[in-house]
């Protein structure tokens, strides 16, 4: 459903990038679920959700700060680390952005 809704974004380049990132997040959840089988994990669903939200900061930046996220990608392609590039462009690294938003949205600590 989310991927279909992205078709309606005016900026097709942004929609394509968001689709790629969402597909990566879903795939990450699937891989995490497969890896958790037989590992005596209490809540496999939590593993999936945590894995999917691992790159929340990147997803948010791509959606709300698309031009800036493209600049970060360009700097990474030129040899900077993603953290260095995000700090330079946004003033915050993607993990900290995602964590701060998750806390403000009252996500559980896990």
N, C-alpha and C. Protein backbone atom coordinates (compact mmCIF):
# COMPACT_ATOMS: atom_id res chain seq x y z
N UNK A 1 0.82 -1.19 0.00
CA UNK A 1 0.00 0.00 0.00
C UNK A 1 0.87 1.26 0.00
N UNK A 2 1.88 1.26 0.84
CA UNK A 2 2.78 2.42 0.92
C UNK A 2 3.45 2.66 -0.42
N UNK A 3 3.91 1.58 -1.05
CA UNK A 3 4.58 1.73 -2.34
C UNK A 3 3.64 2.30 -3.39
N UNK A 4 2.39 1.91 -3.35
CA UNK A 4 1.40 2.44 -4.30
C UNK A 4 1.17 3.92 -4.04
N UNK A 5 1.07 4.31 -2.77
CA UNK A 5 0.86 5.72 -2.42
C UNK A 5 2.01 6.60 -2.88
N UNK A 6 3.21 6.05 -2.88
CA UNK A 6 4.37 6.83 -3.31
C UNK A 6 4.28 7.21 -4.78
N UNK A 7 3.51 6.47 -5.56
CA UNK A 7 3.33 6.79 -6.98
C UNK A 7 2.73 8.18 -7.16
N UNK A 8 2.03 8.66 -6.16
CA UNK A 8 1.34 9.94 -6.28
C UNK A 8 2.19 11.14 -5.86
N UNK A 9 3.41 10.90 -5.41
CA UNK A 9 4.30 12.01 -5.10
C UNK A 9 4.60 12.77 -6.38
N UNK A 10 4.65 14.06 -6.28
CA UNK A 10 4.93 14.90 -7.45
C UNK A 10 6.36 14.70 -7.96
N UNK A 11 7.28 14.53 -7.04
CA UNK A 11 8.68 14.37 -7.41
C UNK A 11 8.95 12.87 -7.63
N UNK A 12 8.98 12.45 -8.87
CA UNK A 12 9.12 11.03 -9.19
C UNK A 12 10.47 10.47 -8.74
N UNK A 13 11.52 11.30 -8.80
CA UNK A 13 12.83 10.85 -8.32
C UNK A 13 12.77 10.55 -6.83
N UNK A 14 12.08 11.42 -6.09
CA UNK A 14 11.92 11.21 -4.65
C UNK A 14 11.11 9.95 -4.40
N UNK A 15 10.04 9.74 -5.15
CA UNK A 15 9.21 8.55 -4.99
C UNK A 15 10.03 7.28 -5.24
N UNK A 16 10.84 7.30 -6.27
CA UNK A 16 11.67 6.13 -6.59
C UNK A 16 12.66 5.85 -5.46
N UNK A 17 13.28 6.90 -4.94
CA UNK A 17 14.25 6.73 -3.84
C UNK A 17 13.55 6.20 -2.59
N UNK A 18 12.39 6.75 -2.27
CA UNK A 18 11.65 6.28 -1.10
C UNK A 18 11.23 4.82 -1.27
N UNK A 19 10.79 4.46 -2.45
CA UNK A 19 10.43 3.06 -2.70
C UNK A 19 11.62 2.15 -2.43
N UNK A 20 12.77 2.53 -2.95
CA UNK A 20 13.97 1.73 -2.74
C UNK A 20 14.26 1.57 -1.24
N UNK A 21 14.17 2.66 -0.51
CA UNK A 21 14.48 2.61 0.93
C UNK A 21 13.44 1.79 1.70
N UNK A 22 12.18 1.89 1.32
CA UNK A 22 11.13 1.11 1.98
C UNK A 22 11.29 -0.37 1.67
N UNK A 23 11.61 -0.69 0.44
CA UNK A 23 11.84 -2.09 0.07
C UNK A 23 13.03 -2.64 0.87
N UNK A 24 14.08 -1.85 1.02
CA UNK A 24 15.23 -2.28 1.83
C UNK A 24 14.81 -2.53 3.28
N UNK A 25 13.96 -1.66 3.82
CA UNK A 25 13.51 -1.83 5.20
C UNK A 25 12.68 -3.10 5.36
N UNK A 26 11.79 -3.36 4.43
CA UNK A 26 10.97 -4.57 4.49
C UNK A 26 11.86 -5.81 4.35
N UNK A 27 12.77 -5.76 3.40
CA UNK A 27 13.70 -6.89 3.22
C UNK A 27 14.52 -7.12 4.49
N UNK A 28 14.95 -6.04 5.11
CA UNK A 28 15.70 -6.15 6.36
C UNK A 28 14.87 -6.87 7.43
N UNK A 29 13.58 -6.53 7.50
CA UNK A 29 12.69 -7.20 8.45
C UNK A 29 12.55 -8.68 8.16
N UNK A 30 12.46 -9.03 6.89
CA UNK A 30 12.34 -10.43 6.49
C UNK A 30 13.61 -11.20 6.86
N UNK A 31 14.75 -10.61 6.56
CA UNK A 31 16.03 -11.25 6.91
C UNK A 31 16.13 -11.43 8.42
N UNK A 32 15.77 -10.40 9.17
CA UNK A 32 15.82 -10.49 10.64
C UNK A 32 14.91 -11.60 11.15
N UNK A 33 13.74 -11.73 10.55
CA UNK A 33 12.81 -12.79 10.95
C UNK A 33 13.42 -14.17 10.69
N UNK A 34 14.02 -14.32 9.53
CA UNK A 34 14.64 -15.60 9.19
C UNK A 34 15.81 -15.92 10.12
N UNK A 35 16.61 -14.91 10.45
CA UNK A 35 17.74 -15.13 11.33
C UNK A 35 17.32 -15.41 12.77
N UNK A 36 16.14 -14.97 13.15
CA UNK A 36 15.70 -15.17 14.53
C UNK A 36 15.09 -16.54 14.78
N UNK A 37 14.80 -17.28 13.70
CA UNK A 37 14.21 -18.61 13.85
C UNK A 37 15.20 -19.52 14.59
N UNK A 38 14.70 -20.17 15.62
CA UNK A 38 15.53 -21.09 16.40
C UNK A 38 16.52 -20.42 17.32
N UNK A 39 16.39 -19.12 17.54
CA UNK A 39 17.34 -18.39 18.38
C UNK A 39 16.78 -18.07 19.76
N UNK A 40 15.68 -18.71 20.13
CA UNK A 40 15.06 -18.49 21.44
C UNK A 40 14.75 -17.01 21.68
N UNK A 41 14.18 -16.38 20.66
CA UNK A 41 13.80 -14.97 20.75
C UNK A 41 12.34 -14.90 21.15
N UNK A 42 12.07 -14.14 22.19
CA UNK A 42 10.73 -14.05 22.76
C UNK A 42 9.72 -13.45 21.81
N UNK A 43 10.08 -12.38 21.15
CA UNK A 43 9.11 -11.67 20.32
C UNK A 43 9.69 -11.44 18.92
N UNK A 44 9.43 -12.39 18.03
CA UNK A 44 9.97 -12.30 16.66
C UNK A 44 9.40 -11.08 15.94
N UNK A 45 8.18 -10.70 16.23
CA UNK A 45 7.60 -9.52 15.58
C UNK A 45 8.38 -8.26 15.93
N UNK A 46 8.83 -8.16 17.16
CA UNK A 46 9.62 -7.01 17.58
C UNK A 46 10.94 -6.96 16.81
N UNK A 47 11.52 -8.11 16.55
CA UNK A 47 12.76 -8.18 15.77
C UNK A 47 12.52 -7.61 14.37
N UNK A 48 11.41 -7.99 13.78
CA UNK A 48 11.07 -7.51 12.43
C UNK A 48 10.88 -5.99 12.44
N UNK A 49 10.09 -5.50 13.37
CA UNK A 49 9.80 -4.06 13.43
C UNK A 49 11.06 -3.25 13.72
N UNK A 50 11.87 -3.71 14.66
CA UNK A 50 13.11 -2.99 14.98
C UNK A 50 14.04 -2.96 13.78
N UNK A 51 14.11 -4.06 13.08
CA UNK A 51 14.95 -4.10 11.89
C UNK A 51 14.45 -3.13 10.83
N UNK A 52 13.14 -3.08 10.65
CA UNK A 52 12.57 -2.19 9.64
C UNK A 52 12.79 -0.72 9.99
N UNK A 53 12.76 -0.40 11.27
CA UNK A 53 12.91 0.99 11.69
C UNK A 53 14.37 1.37 11.93
N UNK A 54 15.29 0.47 11.67
CA UNK A 54 16.70 0.75 11.90
C UNK A 54 17.18 1.96 11.09
N UNK A 55 16.61 2.17 9.92
CA UNK A 55 17.00 3.30 9.06
C UNK A 55 15.91 4.37 8.99
N UNK A 56 15.21 4.57 10.09
CA UNK A 56 14.15 5.57 10.13
C UNK A 56 14.67 6.96 9.79
N UNK A 57 15.83 7.32 10.29
CA UNK A 57 16.40 8.65 10.01
C UNK A 57 16.62 8.87 8.52
N UNK A 58 17.14 7.86 7.84
CA UNK A 58 17.34 7.95 6.40
C UNK A 58 16.01 8.10 5.67
N UNK A 59 15.01 7.31 6.07
CA UNK A 59 13.69 7.41 5.45
C UNK A 59 13.08 8.80 5.65
N UNK A 60 13.19 9.32 6.85
CA UNK A 60 12.63 10.64 7.13
C UNK A 60 13.35 11.73 6.33
N UNK A 61 14.66 11.63 6.27
CA UNK A 61 15.42 12.63 5.51
C UNK A 61 15.06 12.56 4.03
N UNK A 62 14.91 11.36 3.50
CA UNK A 62 14.55 11.20 2.09
C UNK A 62 13.18 11.80 1.81
N UNK A 63 12.26 11.66 2.75
CA UNK A 63 10.91 12.19 2.56
C UNK A 63 10.84 13.70 2.78
N UNK A 64 11.38 14.17 3.91
CA UNK A 64 11.22 15.57 4.28
C UNK A 64 12.35 16.49 3.78
N UNK A 65 13.52 15.93 3.58
CA UNK A 65 14.68 16.72 3.15
C UNK A 65 15.33 16.06 1.94
N UNK A 66 14.55 15.89 0.89
CA UNK A 66 15.02 15.12 -0.26
C UNK A 66 16.27 15.71 -0.89
N UNK A 67 16.28 17.00 -1.13
CA UNK A 67 17.46 17.61 -1.75
C UNK A 67 18.70 17.42 -0.89
N UNK A 68 18.53 17.57 0.41
CA UNK A 68 19.65 17.38 1.33
C UNK A 68 20.11 15.92 1.33
N UNK A 69 19.16 14.99 1.27
CA UNK A 69 19.54 13.57 1.26
C UNK A 69 20.30 13.23 -0.03
N UNK A 70 19.94 13.89 -1.12
CA UNK A 70 20.67 13.68 -2.37
C UNK A 70 22.09 14.24 -2.26
N UNK A 71 22.24 15.37 -1.60
CA UNK A 71 23.57 15.95 -1.38
C UNK A 71 24.41 15.02 -0.51
N UNK A 72 23.80 14.42 0.50
CA UNK A 72 24.51 13.47 1.35
C UNK A 72 24.97 12.27 0.52
N UNK A 73 24.11 11.75 -0.32
CA UNK A 73 24.47 10.63 -1.20
C UNK A 73 25.63 11.00 -2.12
N UNK A 74 25.60 12.23 -2.63
CA UNK A 74 26.68 12.69 -3.50
C UNK A 74 28.01 12.72 -2.74
N UNK A 75 27.98 13.25 -1.51
CA UNK A 75 29.20 13.32 -0.70
C UNK A 75 29.72 11.92 -0.36
N UNK A 76 28.81 10.99 -0.10
CA UNK A 76 29.21 9.61 0.18
C UNK A 76 29.87 9.00 -1.05
N UNK A 77 29.31 9.26 -2.21
CA UNK A 77 29.89 8.75 -3.46
C UNK A 77 31.29 9.32 -3.70
N UNK A 78 31.53 10.50 -3.15
CA UNK A 78 32.85 11.13 -3.29
C UNK A 78 33.84 10.68 -2.22
N UNK A 79 33.39 9.81 -1.29
CA UNK A 79 34.31 9.23 -0.33
C UNK A 79 34.07 9.54 1.13
N UNK A 80 33.13 10.43 1.43
CA UNK A 80 32.85 10.70 2.84
C UNK A 80 32.00 9.58 3.41
N UNK A 81 32.07 9.40 4.73
CA UNK A 81 31.16 8.43 5.34
C UNK A 81 29.77 9.05 5.39
N UNK A 82 28.77 8.19 5.51
CA UNK A 82 27.40 8.69 5.57
C UNK A 82 27.22 9.60 6.78
N UNK A 83 27.83 9.24 7.89
CA UNK A 83 27.72 10.06 9.09
C UNK A 83 28.34 11.43 8.89
N UNK A 84 29.54 11.47 8.33
CA UNK A 84 30.21 12.76 8.07
C UNK A 84 29.37 13.63 7.14
N UNK A 85 28.86 13.02 6.08
CA UNK A 85 28.07 13.77 5.10
C UNK A 85 26.77 14.29 5.72
N UNK A 86 26.09 13.45 6.49
CA UNK A 86 24.84 13.88 7.12
C UNK A 86 25.09 15.01 8.12
N UNK A 87 26.16 14.89 8.89
CA UNK A 87 26.49 15.95 9.85
C UNK A 87 26.78 17.25 9.12
N UNK A 88 27.48 17.17 8.00
CA UNK A 88 27.83 18.35 7.23
C UNK A 88 26.58 19.02 6.64
N UNK A 89 25.65 18.21 6.13
CA UNK A 89 24.49 18.75 5.43
C UNK A 89 23.32 19.03 6.36
N UNK A 90 23.01 18.09 7.25
CA UNK A 90 21.84 18.23 8.12
C UNK A 90 22.19 18.72 9.53
N UNK A 91 23.44 18.54 9.92
CA UNK A 91 23.82 18.88 11.28
C UNK A 91 23.52 17.76 12.27
N UNK A 92 23.10 16.60 11.75
CA UNK A 92 22.78 15.45 12.59
C UNK A 92 22.93 14.20 11.73
N UNK A 93 23.40 13.12 12.33
CA UNK A 93 23.54 11.85 11.61
C UNK A 93 22.18 11.17 11.53
N UNK A 94 22.01 10.33 10.53
CA UNK A 94 20.72 9.64 10.34
C UNK A 94 20.26 8.85 11.57
N UNK A 95 21.14 8.07 12.22
CA UNK A 95 20.67 7.31 13.39
C UNK A 95 20.12 8.21 14.51
N UNK A 96 20.79 9.32 14.75
CA UNK A 96 20.33 10.23 15.80
C UNK A 96 19.00 10.89 15.41
N UNK A 97 18.85 11.21 14.14
CA UNK A 97 17.59 11.77 13.65
C UNK A 97 16.45 10.78 13.87
N UNK A 98 16.66 9.54 13.45
CA UNK A 98 15.64 8.51 13.61
C UNK A 98 15.30 8.26 15.07
N UNK A 99 16.32 8.18 15.91
CA UNK A 99 16.10 7.94 17.33
C UNK A 99 15.34 9.10 17.98
N UNK A 100 15.72 10.32 17.65
CA UNK A 100 15.02 11.48 18.21
C UNK A 100 13.56 11.52 17.81
N UNK A 101 13.28 11.24 16.55
CA UNK A 101 11.88 11.24 16.08
C UNK A 101 11.12 10.09 16.73
N UNK A 102 11.74 8.90 16.80
CA UNK A 102 11.08 7.76 17.43
C UNK A 102 10.73 8.06 18.88
N UNK A 103 11.62 8.72 19.59
CA UNK A 103 11.33 9.09 20.98
C UNK A 103 10.19 10.11 21.04
N UNK A 104 10.20 11.09 20.13
CA UNK A 104 9.14 12.10 20.16
C UNK A 104 7.79 11.50 19.77
N UNK A 105 7.80 10.42 19.01
CA UNK A 105 6.57 9.71 18.65
C UNK A 105 6.19 8.67 19.70
N UNK A 106 6.95 8.64 20.79
CA UNK A 106 6.70 7.70 21.91
C UNK A 106 6.81 6.25 21.51
N UNK A 107 7.77 5.92 20.65
CA UNK A 107 8.05 4.52 20.35
C UNK A 107 8.58 3.88 21.63
N UNK A 108 8.34 2.60 21.82
CA UNK A 108 8.92 1.93 23.00
C UNK A 108 10.45 1.92 22.91
N UNK A 109 11.13 1.90 24.03
CA UNK A 109 12.60 1.98 24.03
C UNK A 109 13.28 0.92 23.15
N UNK A 110 12.75 -0.28 23.09
CA UNK A 110 13.37 -1.33 22.26
C UNK A 110 13.36 -0.92 20.81
